[in-house]
PDB file of N, CA and C in Angstrom:
ATOM      1  N   MET A   1     -25.089   8.449   7.485  1.00  0.00           N
ATOM      2  CA  MET A   1     -24.443   9.996   7.280  1.00  0.00           C
ATOM      3  C   MET A   1     -22.883   9.684   7.661  1.00  0.00           C
ATOM      4  N   ASN A   2     -22.094  10.752   7.505  1.00  0.00           N
ATOM      5  CA  ASN A   2     -21.003  10.811   7.120  1.00  0.00           C
ATOM      6  C   ASN A   2     -20.601  12.067   8.239  1.00  0.00           C
ATOM      7  N   GLY A   3     -19.619  11.964   8.232  1.00  0.00           N
ATOM      8  CA  GLY A   3     -19.081  13.079   9.806  1.00  0.00           C
ATOM      9  C   GLY A   3     -20.077  14.762   9.161  1.00  0.00           C
ATOM     10  N   GLY A   4     -20.004  15.085   7.991  1.00  0.00           N
ATOM     11  CA  GLY A   4     -20.555  16.313   7.077  1.00  0.00           C
ATOM     12  C   GLY A   4     -22.037  16.290   7.858  1.00  0.00           C
ATOM     13  N   GLY A   5     -22.496  15.115   7.910  1.00  0.00           N
ATOM     14  CA  GLY A   5     -24.154  14.671   7.986  1.00  0.00           C
ATOM     15  C   GLY A   5     -24.530  14.626   6.694  1.00  0.00           C
ATOM     16  N   MET A   6     -24.311  14.461   5.755  1.00  0.00           N
ATOM     17  CA  MET A   6     -24.444  14.143   4.221  1.00  0.00           C
ATOM     18  C   MET A   6     -25.031  12.242   4.254  1.00  0.00           C
ATOM     19  N   MET A   7     -26.017  12.281   3.847  1.00  0.00           N
ATOM     20  CA  MET A   7     -26.297  10.476   3.816  1.00  0.00           C
ATOM     21  C   MET A   7     -25.202  10.529   2.753  1.00  0.00           C
ATOM     22  N   VAL A   8     -24.833   9.285   2.948  1.00  0.00           N
ATOM     23  CA  VAL A   8     -23.386   8.048   2.231  1.00  0.00           C
ATOM     24  C   VAL A   8     -24.735   6.827   1.671  1.00  0.00           C
ATOM     25  N   ASP A   9     -25.083   6.676   0.226  1.00  0.00           N
ATOM     26  CA  ASP A   9     -25.576   5.767  -0.028  1.00  0.00           C
ATOM     27  C   ASP A   9     -25.149   4.917   0.095  1.00  0.00           C
ATOM     28  N   ARG A  10     -25.924   3.142   0.034  1.00  0.00           N
ATOM     29  CA  ARG A  10     -25.278   2.441   0.168  1.00  0.00           C
ATOM     30  C   ARG A  10     -23.884   1.965  -1.208  1.00  0.00           C
ATOM     31  N   ASN A  11     -24.618   2.396  -2.412  1.00  0.00           N
ATOM     32  CA  ASN A  11     -23.301   2.039  -3.923  1.00  0.00           C
ATOM     33  C   ASN A  11     -22.021   2.761  -3.373  1.00  0.00           C
ATOM     34  N   GLN A  12     -22.209   4.302  -2.679  1.00  0.00           N
ATOM     35  CA  GLN A  12     -21.193   4.838  -2.229  1.00  0.00           C
ATOM     36  C   GLN A  12     -20.127   4.206  -1.317  1.00  0.00           C
ATOM     37  N   TRP A  13     -21.351   3.448   0.437  1.00  0.00           N
ATOM     38  CA  TRP A  13     -20.489   2.249   0.715  1.00  0.00           C
ATOM     39  C   TRP A  13     -19.519   1.658   0.905  1.00  0.00           C
ATOM     40  N   LEU A  14     -19.877   1.224  -0.226  1.00  0.00           N
ATOM     41  CA  LEU A  14     -19.326  -0.483  -0.765  1.00  0.00           C
ATOM     42  C   LEU A  14     -17.946   0.225  -2.018  1.00  0.00           C
ATOM     43  N   GLU A  15     -18.049   1.280  -2.500  1.00  0.00           N
ATOM     44  CA  GLU A  15     -17.080   1.780  -3.593  1.00  0.00           C
ATOM     45  C   GLU A  15     -15.692   1.817  -2.421  1.00  0.00           C
ATOM     46  N   ARG A  16     -16.136   2.697  -1.070  1.00  0.00           N
ATOM     47  CA  ARG A  16     -15.158   3.582   0.100  1.00  0.00           C
ATOM     48  C   ARG A  16     -14.895   1.885   0.583  1.00  0.00           C
ATOM     49  N   VAL A  17     -15.355   0.852   0.817  1.00  0.00           N
ATOM     50  CA  VAL A  17     -15.409  -0.528   1.149  1.00  0.00           C
ATOM     51  C   VAL A  17     -14.152  -1.162   0.377  1.00  0.00           C
ATOM     52  N   GLY A  18     -14.878  -1.159  -0.581  1.00  0.00           N
ATOM     53  CA  GLY A  18     -13.820  -2.227  -1.647  1.00  0.00           C
ATOM     54  C   GLY A  18     -12.473  -0.850  -2.045  1.00  0.00           C
ATOM     55  N   ALA A  19     -12.537   0.338  -1.870  1.00  0.00           N
ATOM     56  CA  ALA A  19     -10.845   1.151  -1.954  1.00  0.00           C
ATOM     57  C   ALA A  19     -10.002   0.634  -0.950  1.00  0.00           C
ATOM     58  N   GLN A  20     -10.778   0.720   0.614  1.00  0.00           N
ATOM     59  CA  GLN A  20      -9.921   0.447   1.527  1.00  0.00           C
ATOM     60  C   GLN A  20      -9.399  -1.063   1.524  1.00  0.00           C
ATOM     61  N   LEU A  21     -10.077  -1.834   0.972  1.00  0.00           N
ATOM     62  CA  LEU A  21      -9.913  -3.698   0.605  1.00  0.00           C
ATOM     63  C   LEU A  21      -8.222  -3.778   0.107  1.00  0.00           C
ATOM     64  N   SER A  22      -8.923  -2.660  -0.930  1.00  0.00           N
ATOM     65  CA  SER A  22      -7.967  -2.329  -2.208  1.00  0.00           C
ATOM     66  C   SER A  22      -6.325  -1.989  -1.554  1.00  0.00           C
ATOM     67  N   ARG A  23      -6.482  -1.205  -0.336  1.00  0.00           N
ATOM     68  CA  ARG A  23      -5.607  -0.369  -0.096  1.00  0.00           C
ATOM     69  C   ARG A  23      -5.067  -1.068   0.965  1.00  0.00           C
ATOM     70  N   LEU A  24      -5.271  -2.424   1.562  1.00  0.00           N
ATOM     71  CA  LEU A  24      -4.724  -2.649   3.048  1.00  0.00           C
ATOM     72  C   LEU A  24      -3.909  -4.148   2.238  1.00  0.00           C
ATOM     73  N   ALA A  25      -4.547  -4.012   1.387  1.00  0.00           N
ATOM     74  CA  ALA A  25      -3.849  -5.691   0.203  1.00  0.00           C
ATOM     75  C   ALA A  25      -2.182  -5.501  -0.377  1.00  0.00           C
ATOM     76  N   THR A  26      -2.866  -4.196  -0.772  1.00  0.00           N
ATOM     77  CA  THR A  26      -1.448  -3.700  -1.656  1.00  0.00           C
ATOM     78  C   THR A  26      -0.609  -3.466  -0.058  1.00  0.00           C
ATOM     79  N   GLU A  27      -0.721  -2.862   1.069  1.00  0.00           N
ATOM     80  CA  GLU A  27       0.118  -2.770   1.899  1.00  0.00           C
ATOM     81  C   GLU A  27       0.099  -3.974   2.235  1.00  0.00           C
ATOM     82  N   ILE A  28      -0.208  -5.201   2.354  1.00  0.00           N
ATOM     83  CA  ILE A  28       0.467  -6.526   2.830  1.00  0.00           C
ATOM     84  C   ILE A  28       0.706  -6.796   1.858  1.00  0.00           C
ATOM     85  N   GLU A  29       1.145  -6.605   0.806  1.00  0.00           N
ATOM     86  CA  GLU A  29       1.768  -7.092  -0.366  1.00  0.00           C
ATOM     87  C   GLU A  29       2.865  -6.750  -0.434  1.00  0.00           C
ATOM     88  N   ALA A  30       3.229  -5.083   0.134  1.00  0.00           N
ATOM     89  CA  ALA A  30       4.516  -4.840   0.075  1.00  0.00           C
ATOM     90  C   ALA A  30       4.858  -5.627   1.578  1.00  0.00           C
ATOM     91  N   LEU A  31       4.381  -5.313   2.519  1.00  0.00           N
ATOM     92  CA  LEU A  31       4.795  -6.400   3.507  1.00  0.00           C
ATOM     93  C   LEU A  31       5.154  -7.545   3.137  1.00  0.00           C
ATOM     94  N   GLY A  32       4.716  -8.052   2.951  1.00  0.00           N
ATOM     95  CA  GLY A  32       5.244  -9.515   2.183  1.00  0.00           C
ATOM     96  C   GLY A  32       6.551  -9.179   1.124  1.00  0.00           C
ATOM     97  N   GLU A  33       6.569  -8.195   0.375  1.00  0.00           N
ATOM     98  CA  GLU A  33       7.377  -7.899  -0.197  1.00  0.00           C
ATOM     99  C   GLU A  33       9.267  -7.819   0.603  1.00  0.00           C
ATOM    100  N   VAL A  34       8.983  -7.537   1.077  1.00  0.00           N
ATOM    101  CA  VAL A  34       9.811  -6.337   2.523  1.00  0.00           C
ATOM    102  C   VAL A  34       9.991  -8.261   3.081  1.00  0.00           C
ATOM    103  N   LEU A  35      10.203  -8.742   3.592  1.00  0.00           N
ATOM    104  CA  LEU A  35      10.013  -9.608   4.192  1.00  0.00           C
ATOM    105  C   LEU A  35      10.757 -10.783   3.583  1.00  0.00           C
ATOM    106  N   CYS A  36      10.602 -10.649   2.063  1.00  0.00           N
ATOM    107  CA  CYS A  36      10.964 -12.085   1.690  1.00  0.00           C
ATOM    108  C   CYS A  36      12.087 -11.113   0.960  1.00  0.00           C
ATOM    109  N   SER A  37      12.582  -9.872   1.068  1.00  0.00           N
ATOM    110  CA  SER A  37      13.588  -9.667   0.881  1.00  0.00           C
ATOM    111  C   SER A  37      14.922 -10.084   1.588  1.00  0.00           C
ATOM    112  N   ASP A  38      14.929 -10.521   2.906  1.00  0.00           N
ATOM    113  CA  ASP A  38      15.469 -11.345   3.979  1.00  0.00           C
ATOM    114  C   ASP A  38      15.829 -12.956   3.187  1.00  0.00           C
ATOM    115  N   VAL A  39      16.400 -13.531   2.652  1.00  0.00           N
ATOM    116  CA  VAL A  39      16.581 -15.124   2.265  1.00  0.00           C
ATOM    117  C   VAL A  39      16.297 -16.007   2.978  1.00  0.00           C
ATOM    118  N   GLU A  40      16.994 -15.782   4.114  1.00  0.00           N
ATOM    119  CA  GLU A  40      17.245 -16.368   5.249  1.00  0.00           C
ATOM    120  C   GLU A  40      15.188 -16.447   6.316  1.00  0.00           C
ATOM    121  N   MET A  41      15.335 -15.135   6.353  1.00  0.00           N
ATOM    122  CA  MET A  41      13.918 -15.045   6.873  1.00  0.00           C
ATOM    123  C   MET A  41      12.804 -15.772   6.530  1.00  0.00           C
ATOM    124  N   MET A  42      12.929 -15.737   4.883  1.00  0.00           N
ATOM    125  CA  MET A  42      11.713 -16.101   3.954  1.00  0.00           C
ATOM    126  C   MET A  42      12.055 -17.827   3.919  1.00  0.00           C
ATOM    127  N   GLN A  43      13.332 -18.275   3.978  1.00  0.00           N
ATOM    128  CA  GLN A  43      13.525 -19.848   3.976  1.00  0.00           C
ATOM    129  C   GLN A  43      12.427 -20.348   5.098  1.00  0.00           C
ATOM    130  N   ARG A  44      12.892 -19.215   6.434  1.00  0.00           N
ATOM    131  CA  ARG A  44      12.361 -20.300   7.774  1.00  0.00           C
ATOM    132  C   ARG A  44      10.471 -19.720   7.617  1.00  0.00           C
ATOM    133  N   ASN A  45      10.216 -18.864   6.708  1.00  0.00           N
ATOM    134  CA  ASN A  45       8.517 -18.243   7.164  1.00  0.00           C
ATOM    135  C   ASN A  45       7.824 -18.592   5.977  1.00  0.00           C
ATOM    136  N   LEU A  46       9.152 -19.519   4.920  1.00  0.00           N
ATOM    137  CA  LEU A  46       7.893 -19.810   3.634  1.00  0.00           C
ATOM    138  C   LEU A  46       6.350 -19.732   3.422  1.00  0.00           C
ATOM    139  N   THR A  47       5.673 -20.616   5.050  1.00  0.00           N
ATOM    140  CA  THR A  47       4.466 -20.767   5.198  1.00  0.00           C
ATOM    141  C   THR A  47       3.624 -19.150   5.231  1.00  0.00           C
ATOM    142  N   THR A  48       4.374 -19.171   6.098  1.00  0.00           N
ATOM    143  CA  THR A  48       3.556 -18.034   7.066  1.00  0.00           C
ATOM    144  C   THR A  48       3.463 -16.622   5.672  1.00  0.00           C
ATOM    145  N   LEU A  49       4.798 -16.559   4.944  1.00  0.00           N
ATOM    146  CA  LEU A  49       4.255 -15.358   3.738  1.00  0.00           C
ATOM    147  C   LEU A  49       3.745 -16.387   3.015  1.00  0.00           C
ATOM    148  N   GLN A  50       3.484 -17.204   2.412  1.00  0.00           N
ATOM    149  CA  GLN A  50       2.000 -17.743   1.597  1.00  0.00           C
ATOM    150  C   GLN A  50       1.053 -16.921   1.897  1.00  0.00           C
ATOM    151  N   ALA A  51       0.933 -16.870   3.511  1.00  0.00           N
ATOM    152  CA  ALA A  51      -0.496 -17.131   4.367  1.00  0.00           C
ATOM    153  C   ALA A  51      -0.481 -15.298   3.821  1.00  0.00           C
ATOM    154  N   ILE A  52       0.627 -14.876   4.108  1.00  0.00           N
ATOM    155  CA  ILE A  52       0.272 -13.274   4.148  1.00  0.00           C
ATOM    156  C   ILE A  52      -0.328 -13.371   2.471  1.00  0.00           C
ATOM    157  N   ASP A  53       0.528 -13.647   1.498  1.00  0.00           N
ATOM    158  CA  ASP A  53       0.009 -13.610  -0.094  1.00  0.00           C
ATOM    159  C   ASP A  53      -1.597 -14.049  -0.226  1.00  0.00           C
ATOM    160  N   ALA A  54      -1.496 -14.731   0.418  1.00  0.00           N
ATOM    161  CA  ALA A  54      -3.335 -15.245   0.453  1.00  0.00           C
ATOM    162  C   ALA A  54      -4.563 -14.212   0.625  1.00  0.00           C
ATOM    163  N   ILE A  55      -3.956 -13.491   2.312  1.00  0.00           N
ATOM    164  CA  ILE A  55      -4.795 -13.177   2.520  1.00  0.00           C
ATOM    165  C   ILE A  55      -4.929 -11.530   1.538  1.00  0.00           C
ATOM    166  N   ALA A  56      -4.098 -11.143   1.188  1.00  0.00           N
ATOM    167  CA  ALA A  56      -3.682  -9.881  -0.203  1.00  0.00           C
ATOM    168  C   ALA A  56      -4.612 -10.250  -1.280  1.00  0.00           C
ATOM    169  N   GLN A  57      -4.512 -11.678  -1.686  1.00  0.00           N
ATOM    170  CA  GLN A  57      -5.512 -11.776  -3.210  1.00  0.00           C
ATOM    171  C   GLN A  57      -6.821 -11.581  -2.524  1.00  0.00           C
ATOM    172  N   GLN A  58      -7.148 -12.422  -1.567  1.00  0.00           N
ATOM    173  CA  GLN A  58      -8.791 -12.406  -1.093  1.00  0.00           C
ATOM    174  C   GLN A  58      -9.368 -10.975  -1.181  1.00  0.00           C
ATOM    175  N   GLN A  59      -8.091 -10.638  -0.397  1.00  0.00           N
ATOM    176  CA  GLN A  59      -8.874  -8.812  -0.398  1.00  0.00           C
ATOM    177  C   GLN A  59      -9.140  -8.104  -1.265  1.00  0.00           C
ATOM    178  N   ASN A  60      -7.706  -8.502  -2.257  1.00  0.00           N
ATOM    179  CA  ASN A  60      -8.403  -8.106  -3.672  1.00  0.00           C
ATOM    180  C   ASN A  60      -9.795  -8.210  -4.022  1.00  0.00           C
ATOM    181  N   CYS A  61      -9.393  -9.629  -4.636  1.00  0.00           N
ATOM    182  CA  CYS A  61     -10.909 -10.093  -5.035  1.00  0.00           C
ATOM    183  C   CYS A  61     -12.145  -9.424  -4.426  1.00  0.00           C
ATOM    184  N   LEU A  62     -12.000  -9.330  -2.490  1.00  0.00           N
ATOM    185  CA  LEU A  62     -13.243  -9.268  -2.047  1.00  0.00           C
ATOM    186  C   LEU A  62     -13.319  -7.766  -2.448  1.00  0.00           C
ATOM    187  N   ALA A  63     -12.625  -6.631  -2.903  1.00  0.00           N
ATOM    188  CA  ALA A  63     -12.449  -5.657  -3.629  1.00  0.00           C
ATOM    189  C   ALA A  63     -13.205  -5.182  -4.890  1.00  0.00           C
ATOM    190  N   ARG A  64     -13.137  -6.059  -5.395  1.00  0.00           N
ATOM    191  CA  ARG A  64     -13.348  -6.087  -6.782  1.00  0.00           C
ATOM    192  C   ARG A  64     -15.067  -6.414  -6.409  1.00  0.00           C
ATOM    193  N   ILE A  65     -15.272  -7.438  -6.136  1.00  0.00           N
ATOM    194  CA  ILE A  65     -16.718  -7.871  -5.477  1.00  0.00           C
ATOM    195  C   ILE A  65     -17.565  -6.836  -5.383  1.00  0.00           C
ATOM    196  N   VAL A  66     -17.282  -6.360  -3.935  1.00  0.00           N
ATOM    197  CA  VAL A  66     -18.413  -5.111  -3.401  1.00  0.00           C
ATOM    198  C   VAL A  66     -18.638  -3.733  -4.123  1.00  0.00           C
ATOM    199  N   THR A  67     -17.642  -3.830  -5.281  1.00  0.00           N
ATOM    200  CA  THR A  67     -17.653  -2.681  -6.050  1.00  0.00           C
ATOM    201  C   THR A  67     -18.208  -3.076  -7.518  1.00  0.00           C
ATOM    202  N   ALA A  68     -18.030  -4.419  -7.864  1.00  0.00           N
ATOM    203  CA  ALA A  68     -18.945  -4.951  -8.999  1.00  0.00           C
ATOM    204  C   ALA A  68     -20.040  -5.016  -9.426  1.00  0.00           C
ATOM    205  N   ASP A  69     -20.616  -4.632 -10.702  1.00  0.00           N
ATOM    206  CA  ASP A  69     -22.188  -4.509 -10.617  1.00  0.00           C
ATOM    207  C   ASP A  69     -22.608  -5.400 -11.730  1.00  0.00           C
ATOM    208  N   PRO A  70     -22.770  -6.550 -12.076  1.00  0.00           N
ATOM    209  CA  PRO A  70     -23.560  -7.554 -10.301  1.00  0.00           C
ATOM    210  C   PRO A  70     -22.536  -7.900  -9.787  1.00  0.00           C
ATOM    211  N   MET A  71     -22.349  -8.070  -8.775  1.00  0.00           N
ATOM    212  CA  MET A  71     -21.166  -8.430  -7.533  1.00  0.00           C
ATOM    213  C   MET A  71     -21.113 -10.031  -8.098  1.00  0.00           C
ATOM    214  N   GLU A  72     -22.550 -10.950  -8.576  1.00  0.00           N
ATOM    215  CA  GLU A  72     -22.321 -12.584  -8.783  1.00  0.00           C
ATOM    216  C   GLU A  72     -21.257 -12.800  -9.746  1.00  0.00           C
ATOM    217  N   GLN A  73     -21.627 -11.715 -10.780  1.00  0.00           N
ATOM    218  CA  GLN A  73     -19.886 -11.810 -11.709  1.00  0.00           C
ATOM    219  C   GLN A  73     -18.920 -11.971 -11.342  1.00  0.00           C
ATOM    220  N   ALA A  74     -18.775 -10.488 -10.408  1.00  0.00           N
ATOM    221  CA  ALA A  74     -17.189 -10.598  -9.708  1.00  0.00           C
ATOM    222  C   ALA A  74     -16.865 -11.714  -8.873  1.00  0.00           C
ATOM    223  N   VAL A  75     -18.020 -12.281  -8.260  1.00  0.00           N
ATOM    224  CA  VAL A  75     -17.536 -14.045  -7.576  1.00  0.00           C
ATOM    225  C   VAL A  75     -17.221 -15.088  -8.379  1.00  0.00           C
ATOM    226  N   ALA A  76     -18.189 -14.967  -9.236  1.00  0.00           N
ATOM    227  CA  ALA A  76     -17.442 -15.949 -10.767  1.00  0.00           C
ATOM    228  C   ALA A  76     -15.913 -16.084 -11.316  1.00  0.00           C
ATOM    229  N   GLU A  77     -15.447 -14.603 -11.502  1.00  0.00           N
ATOM    230  CA  GLU A  77     -14.195 -14.373 -11.507  1.00  0.00           C
ATOM    231  C   GLU A  77     -13.140 -14.622 -10.672  1.00  0.00           C
ATOM    232  N   CYS A  78     -13.866 -14.719  -9.442  1.00  0.00           N
ATOM    233  CA  CYS A  78     -12.298 -14.320  -8.139  1.00  0.00           C
ATOM    234  C   CYS A  78     -11.704 -15.239  -8.947  1.00  0.00           C
ATOM    235  N   SER A  79     -10.513 -15.496  -8.954  1.00  0.00           N
ATOM    236  CA  SER A  79      -9.100 -16.197  -8.820  1.00  0.00           C
ATOM    237  C   SER A  79      -8.631 -16.943  -7.788  1.00  0.00           C
ATOM    238  N   PHE A  80      -9.370 -16.187  -6.273  1.00  0.00           N
ATOM    239  CA  PHE A  80      -9.293 -17.444  -5.409  1.00  0.00           C
ATOM    240  C   PHE A  80     -10.055 -17.922  -5.285  1.00  0.00           C
ATOM    241  N   ALA A  81     -10.136 -19.671  -5.148  1.00  0.00           N
ATOM    242  CA  ALA A  81     -10.821 -20.803  -5.450  1.00  0.00           C
ATOM    243  C   ALA A  81     -11.582 -21.074  -3.909  1.00  0.00           C
ATOM    244  N   GLU A  82     -10.785 -20.929  -2.994  1.00  0.00           N
ATOM    245  CA  GLU A  82     -11.443 -21.197  -1.339  1.00  0.00           C
ATOM    246  C   GLU A  82     -12.216 -19.839  -0.805  1.00  0.00           C
ATOM    247  N   LEU A  83     -12.210 -19.091  -1.273  1.00  0.00           N
ATOM    248  CA  LEU A  83     -12.631 -17.393  -1.137  1.00  0.00           C
ATOM    249  C   LEU A  83     -13.719 -17.746  -2.054  1.00  0.00           C
ATOM    250  N   LYS A  84     -13.939 -18.085  -2.958  1.00  0.00           N
ATOM    251  CA  LYS A  84     -15.212 -18.233  -3.839  1.00  0.00           C
ATOM    252  C   LYS A  84     -16.061 -19.455  -3.638  1.00  0.00           C
ATOM    253  N   GLN A  85     -15.657 -20.510  -3.401  1.00  0.00           N
ATOM    254  CA  GLN A  85     -16.745 -21.444  -2.574  1.00  0.00           C
ATOM    255  C   GLN A  85     -17.004 -21.048  -1.292  1.00  0.00           C
ATOM    256  N   ARG A  86     -16.229 -20.297  -0.449  1.00  0.00           N
ATOM    257  CA  ARG A  86     -16.944 -19.662   0.914  1.00  0.00           C
ATOM    258  C   ARG A  86     -18.379 -18.773   0.213  1.00  0.00           C
ATOM    259  N   LEU A  87     -17.492 -17.940  -0.410  1.00  0.00           N
ATOM    260  CA  LEU A  87     -18.482 -17.236  -0.873  1.00  0.00           C
ATOM    261  C   LEU A  87     -20.150 -17.608  -1.321  1.00  0.00           C
ATOM    262  N   LEU A  88     -20.118 -18.594  -2.042  1.00  0.00           N
ATOM    263  CA  LEU A  88     -21.585 -19.359  -2.390  1.00  0.00           C
ATOM    264  C   LEU A  88     -21.658 -19.960  -2.093  1.00  0.00           C
ATOM    265  N   ALA A  89     -21.013 -21.081  -0.789  1.00  0.00           N
ATOM    266  CA  ALA A  89     -21.471 -21.923   0.446  1.00  0.00           C
ATOM    267  C   ALA A  89     -22.115 -21.107   1.100  1.00  0.00           C
ATOM    268  N   ALA A  90     -22.120 -19.911   1.664  1.00  0.00           N
ATOM    269  CA  ALA A  90     -22.883 -18.866   2.428  1.00  0.00           C
ATOM    270  C   ALA A  90     -24.141 -19.181   2.651  1.00  0.00           C
TER     271      ALA A  90
END
């Protein structure tokens, strides 16, 4: 149920989750861009910034997967190899 008492089906929930994952990925990417604008900070924290970028990439993949029909096709098309391996191994 949503706050108004109406039932929300699974596909609607998946669409909502996908939209939020995508929104968060965009925010993470924007944060990374801000941090990269300081060259000294970027040079000192390159590994951390790469990790931030990887998180955003994975969130974008997950957003596409949860909203795809069929999900299996979206997993196969996921460009983040480590995430794809984890999903297929689960």
